[in-house]
Protein backbone atom coordinates (compact mmCIF):
# COMPACT_ATOMS: atom_id res chain seq x y z
CA MET A 1 -9.97 -6.60 -46.14
CA GLN A 2 -9.12 -3.61 -43.97
CA LYS A 3 -5.74 -1.96 -44.32
CA ILE A 4 -3.81 -0.73 -41.29
CA ILE A 5 -1.19 2.02 -41.48
CA GLY A 6 0.99 2.49 -38.41
CA LEU A 7 3.03 5.68 -38.10
CA GLY A 8 5.84 6.03 -35.57
CA ALA A 9 6.85 3.76 -32.71
CA THR A 10 3.39 3.31 -31.16
CA GLY A 11 1.52 3.21 -34.47
CA CYS A 12 3.88 0.57 -35.87
CA ALA A 13 3.66 -1.51 -32.68
CA ILE A 14 -0.15 -1.59 -32.91
CA ALA A 15 -0.06 -2.30 -36.66
CA GLN A 16 2.32 -5.19 -36.00
CA GLU A 17 -0.24 -6.79 -33.68
CA PHE A 18 -2.79 -6.70 -36.51
CA SER A 19 -0.35 -8.70 -38.66
CA HIS A 20 -1.37 -11.78 -36.65
CA HIS A 21 -4.86 -11.53 -38.19
CA PRO A 22 -5.06 -12.58 -41.87
CA GLU A 23 -7.96 -10.23 -42.62
CA TYR A 24 -5.72 -7.14 -42.34
CA ASN A 25 -3.02 -5.77 -44.63
CA ILE A 26 -0.30 -3.95 -42.70
CA TYR A 27 1.81 -0.91 -43.57
CA LYS A 28 4.36 0.57 -41.16
CA ILE A 29 6.13 3.90 -41.50
CA GLY A 30 8.81 4.84 -38.99
CA THR A 31 12.48 5.42 -38.32
CA ALA A 32 15.15 2.72 -38.03
CA GLN A 33 13.76 1.96 -34.57
CA GLU A 34 10.69 0.33 -36.13
CA GLY A 35 12.67 -2.30 -38.05
CA GLN A 36 13.42 -3.40 -41.59
CA ASP A 37 9.84 -4.43 -42.41
CA SER A 38 8.67 -0.80 -42.26
CA LEU A 39 9.18 2.11 -44.61
CA GLN A 40 12.06 3.84 -42.87
CA VAL A 41 12.35 7.62 -42.92
CA PRO A 42 15.15 9.70 -41.40
CA TYR A 43 14.74 10.70 -37.77
CA LYS A 44 13.91 14.37 -37.18
CA SER A 45 13.48 16.02 -33.82
CA ASN A 46 10.27 17.99 -34.44
CA ILE A 47 7.11 17.89 -36.50
CA GLU A 48 8.08 21.00 -38.50
CA ASP A 49 11.06 19.23 -40.07
CA TYR A 50 8.89 16.31 -41.16
CA GLU A 51 6.29 18.68 -42.62
CA SER A 52 8.81 20.84 -44.51
CA LYS A 53 10.98 18.05 -45.98
CA PRO A 54 8.81 14.93 -46.30
CA PRO A 55 9.93 11.84 -48.28
CA SER A 56 6.67 12.08 -50.24
CA SER A 57 7.74 9.95 -53.23
CA ASP A 58 8.75 7.03 -50.98
CA ILE A 59 5.44 7.25 -49.10
CA ALA A 60 3.39 7.31 -52.31
CA SER A 61 5.23 4.28 -53.65
CA TYR A 62 4.90 2.35 -50.39
CA LEU A 63 1.16 2.97 -50.16
CA LYS A 64 0.36 2.53 -53.87
CA SER A 65 -1.64 -0.67 -53.22
CA ILE A 66 -4.21 1.31 -51.21
CA GLU A 67 -6.99 2.10 -53.68
CA ARG A 68 -10.11 4.20 -53.91
CA GLY A 69 -12.76 2.98 -51.48
CA ASP A 70 -10.44 0.80 -49.39
CA GLU A 71 -11.16 0.73 -45.66
CA VAL A 72 -8.09 2.16 -43.91
CA LEU A 73 -7.29 2.52 -40.21
CA PHE A 74 -4.49 5.06 -39.69
CA VAL A 75 -2.79 4.64 -36.29
CA LEU A 76 -0.46 7.15 -34.63
CA GLN A 77 0.41 8.64 -31.27
CA GLY A 78 0.40 12.35 -30.61
CA GLY A 79 3.61 13.95 -29.42
CA GLU A 80 5.91 11.84 -31.61
CA PRO A 81 7.84 14.10 -34.03
CA ILE A 82 7.06 11.75 -36.92
CA SER A 83 3.37 12.64 -36.52
CA GLY A 84 4.32 15.63 -38.70
CA LEU A 85 3.96 13.21 -41.63
CA ALA A 86 0.30 12.49 -40.83
CA LEU A 87 -1.30 14.92 -43.27
CA ILE A 88 1.11 13.97 -46.06
CA ILE A 89 0.23 10.29 -45.63
CA LEU A 90 -3.49 11.03 -45.43
CA GLN A 91 -3.30 13.18 -48.57
CA THR A 92 -1.63 10.26 -50.37
CA ILE A 93 -4.54 7.90 -49.59
CA LYS A 94 -7.32 10.49 -49.72
CA GLU A 95 -9.47 8.39 -52.08
CA SER A 96 -9.82 5.64 -49.48
CA ASN A 97 -12.29 5.51 -46.58
CA ILE A 98 -10.12 6.61 -43.64
CA THR A 99 -10.63 6.13 -39.91
CA ILE A 100 -8.02 7.49 -37.50
CA LEU A 101 -6.93 5.82 -34.26
CA TYR A 102 -5.13 8.49 -32.25
CA ILE A 103 -3.24 7.60 -29.07
CA CYS A 104 -3.00 10.52 -26.64
CA PRO A 105 0.30 10.47 -24.70
CA GLU A 106 0.33 10.48 -20.92
CA GLU A 107 0.24 14.09 -19.78
CA GLY A 108 2.30 13.78 -16.61
CA VAL A 109 5.32 12.23 -18.33
CA SER A 110 5.28 14.20 -21.59
CA THR A 111 7.65 17.05 -22.32
CA ARG A 112 6.32 20.50 -23.20
CA LEU A 113 7.32 19.88 -26.82
CA GLN A 114 5.44 16.56 -26.89
CA GLN A 115 2.36 18.21 -25.38
CA ARG A 116 2.53 20.99 -27.95
CA ASP A 117 2.91 18.59 -30.88
CA ASN A 118 0.08 16.42 -29.55
CA LYS A 119 -2.21 19.43 -29.32
CA ILE A 120 -1.32 20.67 -32.82
CA VAL A 121 -1.65 17.36 -34.67
CA GLY A 122 -4.60 16.06 -32.64
CA SER A 123 -6.61 19.25 -33.04
CA ILE A 124 -5.99 19.47 -36.80
CA LEU A 125 -7.00 15.85 -37.37
CA GLN A 126 -10.16 16.33 -35.30
CA GLU A 127 -11.17 19.38 -37.34
CA TYR A 128 -10.70 17.46 -40.58
CA THR A 129 -12.68 14.54 -39.16
CA ARG A 130 -15.54 16.71 -37.94
CA SER A 131 -15.80 18.31 -41.39
CA GLY A 132 -16.23 14.86 -42.95
CA VAL A 133 -12.79 14.33 -44.53
CA PHE A 134 -12.32 11.19 -42.41
CA ALA A 135 -15.02 8.73 -41.35
CA HIS A 136 -14.22 8.81 -37.62
CA MET A 137 -11.37 9.64 -35.28
CA TYR A 138 -11.09 7.39 -32.23
CA LEU A 139 -9.22 8.88 -29.27
CA VAL A 140 -7.43 6.59 -26.82
CA SER A 141 -5.67 7.85 -23.69
CA ARG A 142 -2.48 5.94 -23.03
CA SER A 143 -2.88 6.41 -19.27
CA VAL A 144 -6.36 4.79 -19.31
CA VAL A 145 -5.16 1.77 -21.28
CA ASP A 146 -2.10 1.48 -19.03
CA ALA A 147 -4.42 1.13 -16.05
CA LEU A 148 -6.49 -1.53 -17.84
CA VAL A 149 -3.43 -3.51 -18.90
CA GLY A 150 -1.99 -3.41 -15.38
CA ASP A 151 1.58 -4.03 -14.29
CA VAL A 152 3.72 -5.89 -16.82
CA PRO A 153 7.47 -6.40 -17.23
CA LEU A 154 9.11 -3.30 -18.67
CA ARG A 155 10.39 -5.12 -21.76
CA GLU A 156 6.86 -6.34 -22.49
CA TYR A 157 5.11 -3.03 -21.85
CA GLU A 158 4.84 -1.68 -25.41
CA ARG A 159 3.79 -5.04 -26.82
CA GLU A 160 1.13 -5.51 -24.12
CA PHE A 161 -0.21 -2.00 -24.73
CA ALA A 162 -0.34 -2.56 -28.50
CA SER A 163 -1.88 -6.03 -28.08
CA PHE A 164 -4.69 -4.69 -25.88
CA VAL A 165 -5.58 -1.89 -28.31
CA CYS A 166 -5.45 -4.27 -31.27
CA TYR A 167 -7.70 -6.79 -29.51
CA VAL A 168 -10.41 -4.22 -28.77
CA VAL A 169 -10.35 -2.83 -32.31
CA ALA A 170 -10.36 -6.29 -33.90
CA MET A 171 -13.28 -7.48 -31.74
CA ILE A 172 -15.36 -4.38 -32.51
CA ASN A 173 -14.57 -4.84 -36.21
CA TYR A 174 -15.75 -8.43 -35.89
CA PHE A 175 -18.98 -7.39 -34.20
CA THR A 176 -19.54 -4.65 -36.78
CA HIS A 177 -19.12 -6.97 -39.76
CA THR A 178 -21.08 -9.99 -38.49
CA ASP A 179 -24.79 -10.42 -37.99
CA ALA A 180 -26.06 -9.83 -34.47
CA VAL A 181 -28.45 -12.24 -32.76
CA ILE A 182 -30.49 -9.19 -31.80
CA THR A 183 -29.83 -5.49 -32.14
CA ASN A 184 -31.43 -2.07 -32.22
CA TYR A 185 -28.29 -0.46 -33.66
CA GLU A 186 -28.66 2.86 -35.41
CA PRO A 187 -25.61 4.57 -36.94
CA PRO A 188 -24.56 7.74 -35.12
CA PRO A 189 -25.63 11.00 -36.81
CA PRO A 190 -23.12 12.03 -39.51
CA ILE A 191 -21.71 14.90 -37.46
CA PHE A 192 -20.87 12.59 -34.52
CA ARG A 193 -17.40 11.61 -35.80
CA ILE A 194 -15.11 12.09 -32.78
CA ALA A 195 -15.20 8.83 -30.85
CA THR A 196 -13.69 6.46 -28.35
CA TRP A 197 -14.16 2.91 -27.10
CA GLY A 198 -14.66 1.41 -23.68
CA THR A 199 -15.02 -1.83 -21.76
CA SER A 200 -17.61 -3.09 -19.32
CA THR A 201 -18.92 -6.40 -17.93
CA LEU A 202 -22.27 -8.12 -18.24
CA GLY A 203 -24.50 -6.96 -15.40
CA ALA A 204 -22.41 -3.90 -14.55
CA THR A 205 -24.26 -0.92 -13.08
CA ASP A 206 -21.40 1.56 -13.22
CA SER A 207 -20.17 3.50 -16.22
CA PRO A 208 -17.97 1.76 -18.81
CA ARG A 209 -14.25 2.41 -18.60
CA TRP A 210 -13.98 4.80 -21.52
CA PHE A 211 -10.58 5.02 -23.20
CA PHE A 212 -10.93 8.81 -23.49
CA PRO A 213 -13.21 11.19 -21.55
CA LEU A 214 -15.30 12.55 -24.43
CA GLU A 215 -16.88 15.94 -23.87
CA GLY A 216 -20.17 17.18 -25.31
CA GLU A 217 -23.35 15.42 -26.41
CA ARG A 218 -22.78 11.76 -27.24
CA VAL A 219 -24.38 8.64 -28.64
CA HIS A 220 -23.40 5.22 -27.31
CA HIS A 221 -23.47 1.67 -28.62
CA TYR A 222 -22.87 -1.45 -26.51
CA TYR A 223 -21.56 -4.69 -28.04
CA PHE A 224 -22.38 -7.79 -25.99
CA GLY A 225 -20.26 -10.81 -26.96
CA ILE A 226 -22.02 -13.83 -25.45
CA PRO A 227 -20.78 -17.46 -25.47
CA GLU A 228 -22.98 -19.67 -27.63
CA GLY A 229 -24.08 -21.79 -24.68
CA ASP A 230 -25.37 -18.77 -22.79
CA LEU A 231 -27.39 -17.66 -25.81
CA THR A 232 -29.34 -20.91 -25.48
CA ALA A 233 -29.35 -21.58 -21.75
CA ASN A 234 -29.77 -18.11 -20.23
CA HIS A 235 -33.48 -17.33 -20.60
CA SER A 236 -33.13 -13.94 -18.90
CA LEU A 237 -30.24 -12.73 -21.05
CA LEU A 238 -32.20 -10.27 -23.18
CA ARG A 239 -33.78 -8.69 -20.13
CA GLU A 240 -30.36 -8.39 -18.48
CA VAL A 241 -28.89 -6.73 -21.55
CA LYS A 242 -31.73 -4.24 -21.87
CA GLU A 243 -31.67 -3.40 -18.18
CA GLN A 244 -27.93 -2.80 -18.30
CA VAL A 245 -28.21 -0.44 -21.27
CA LYS A 246 -31.11 1.44 -19.66
CA THR A 247 -29.49 1.79 -16.25
CA MET A 248 -25.91 2.42 -17.41
CA PRO A 249 -24.84 5.88 -16.24
CA HIS A 250 -24.22 7.90 -19.37
CA GLU A 251 -24.76 11.38 -20.74
CA ALA A 252 -25.86 10.17 -24.12
CA LYS A 253 -28.38 11.44 -26.62
CA SER A 254 -29.18 7.80 -27.34
CA ALA A 255 -27.88 4.33 -26.49
CA SER A 256 -28.21 1.16 -28.59
CA PHE A 257 -26.95 -2.40 -28.27
CA SER A 258 -26.20 -5.55 -30.20
CA VAL A 259 -25.70 -9.13 -29.04
CA HIS A 260 -23.20 -11.35 -30.86
CA PRO A 261 -22.13 -14.99 -30.40
CA VAL A 262 -18.48 -15.51 -29.42
CA THR A 263 -16.28 -18.52 -28.76
CA LEU A 264 -14.96 -17.06 -25.51
CA ASP A 265 -15.47 -18.71 -22.13
CA ALA A 266 -17.12 -15.63 -20.60
CA PRO A 267 -19.20 -12.69 -21.86
CA LEU A 268 -17.38 -9.69 -23.31
CA VAL A 269 -18.85 -6.19 -23.30
CA LEU A 270 -17.30 -3.45 -25.44
CA CYS A 271 -18.66 0.03 -25.99
CA ALA A 272 -18.35 2.87 -28.48
CA ALA A 273 -19.13 6.53 -27.86
CA TYR A 274 -19.47 9.24 -30.51
CA SER A 275 -19.39 13.01 -30.07
CA LYS A 276 -19.80 16.00 -32.37
CA THR A 277 -17.46 18.08 -30.21
CA VAL A 278 -13.78 18.63 -30.96
CA GLN A 279 -12.00 17.52 -27.78
CA ASN A 280 -9.58 19.66 -25.83
CA PHE A 281 -6.13 18.30 -25.18
CA PRO A 282 -4.04 19.46 -22.20
CA ARG A 283 -3.00 23.09 -22.46
CA VAL A 284 0.72 23.76 -22.79
CA SER A 285 1.71 26.39 -20.24
């Protein structure tokens, strides 16, 4: 059973969406804004205050059920002052197998302080990930996901954003932990730890819609979720899948695929990209 830790407003919102799935245990750390079911810490206006005066004993007690070897997804958004607690939380659970989901705030509507904090925290976590402290760090641009979600009522915006991210992560976890009908999957090289996800459609000839524009050499994997009926009735399916992977525009060192049965009405195509390059966040002028 994977454990999800949400930090801050966005991290807690995404973690809350995972609470609808019984295979996840949820932990939420935030201010009073995140509600009574989270570990509440006092609001501070910058990351330095969280780093210098952390409520470390409360955090250790709250996370004591996370044990050595547990699979943990740590979710946070850059630019939130509470992200200054990230390294303290990660130190507390250092014996577990940690993957980071890092939401990059929208550049055009972020303050200079938010951009600075995003750059500091995001760059530090990437360096730790690249050195092997964390399994992977998945980068997600809020502006890209906003475009994929589309226009929604303002009061529903945060929930729709969190629901979309949760759905993609949960589906890829499902594909990863279930047997494929056919696959040529090969794990990315150990140094390829900085990553993102993307979406596509069966038969597409254009590039997937990547959630973050990864720089540097990459390896890709494509997950094809195919309705059970199509797995039986579509005799050309394997050829279509292979042709799509071969013709997909990508700057990848290698590209692999797996085909999985799903109970959906239509095919679903999700993608993962892995890089060995620490990514640059917007420069603060």
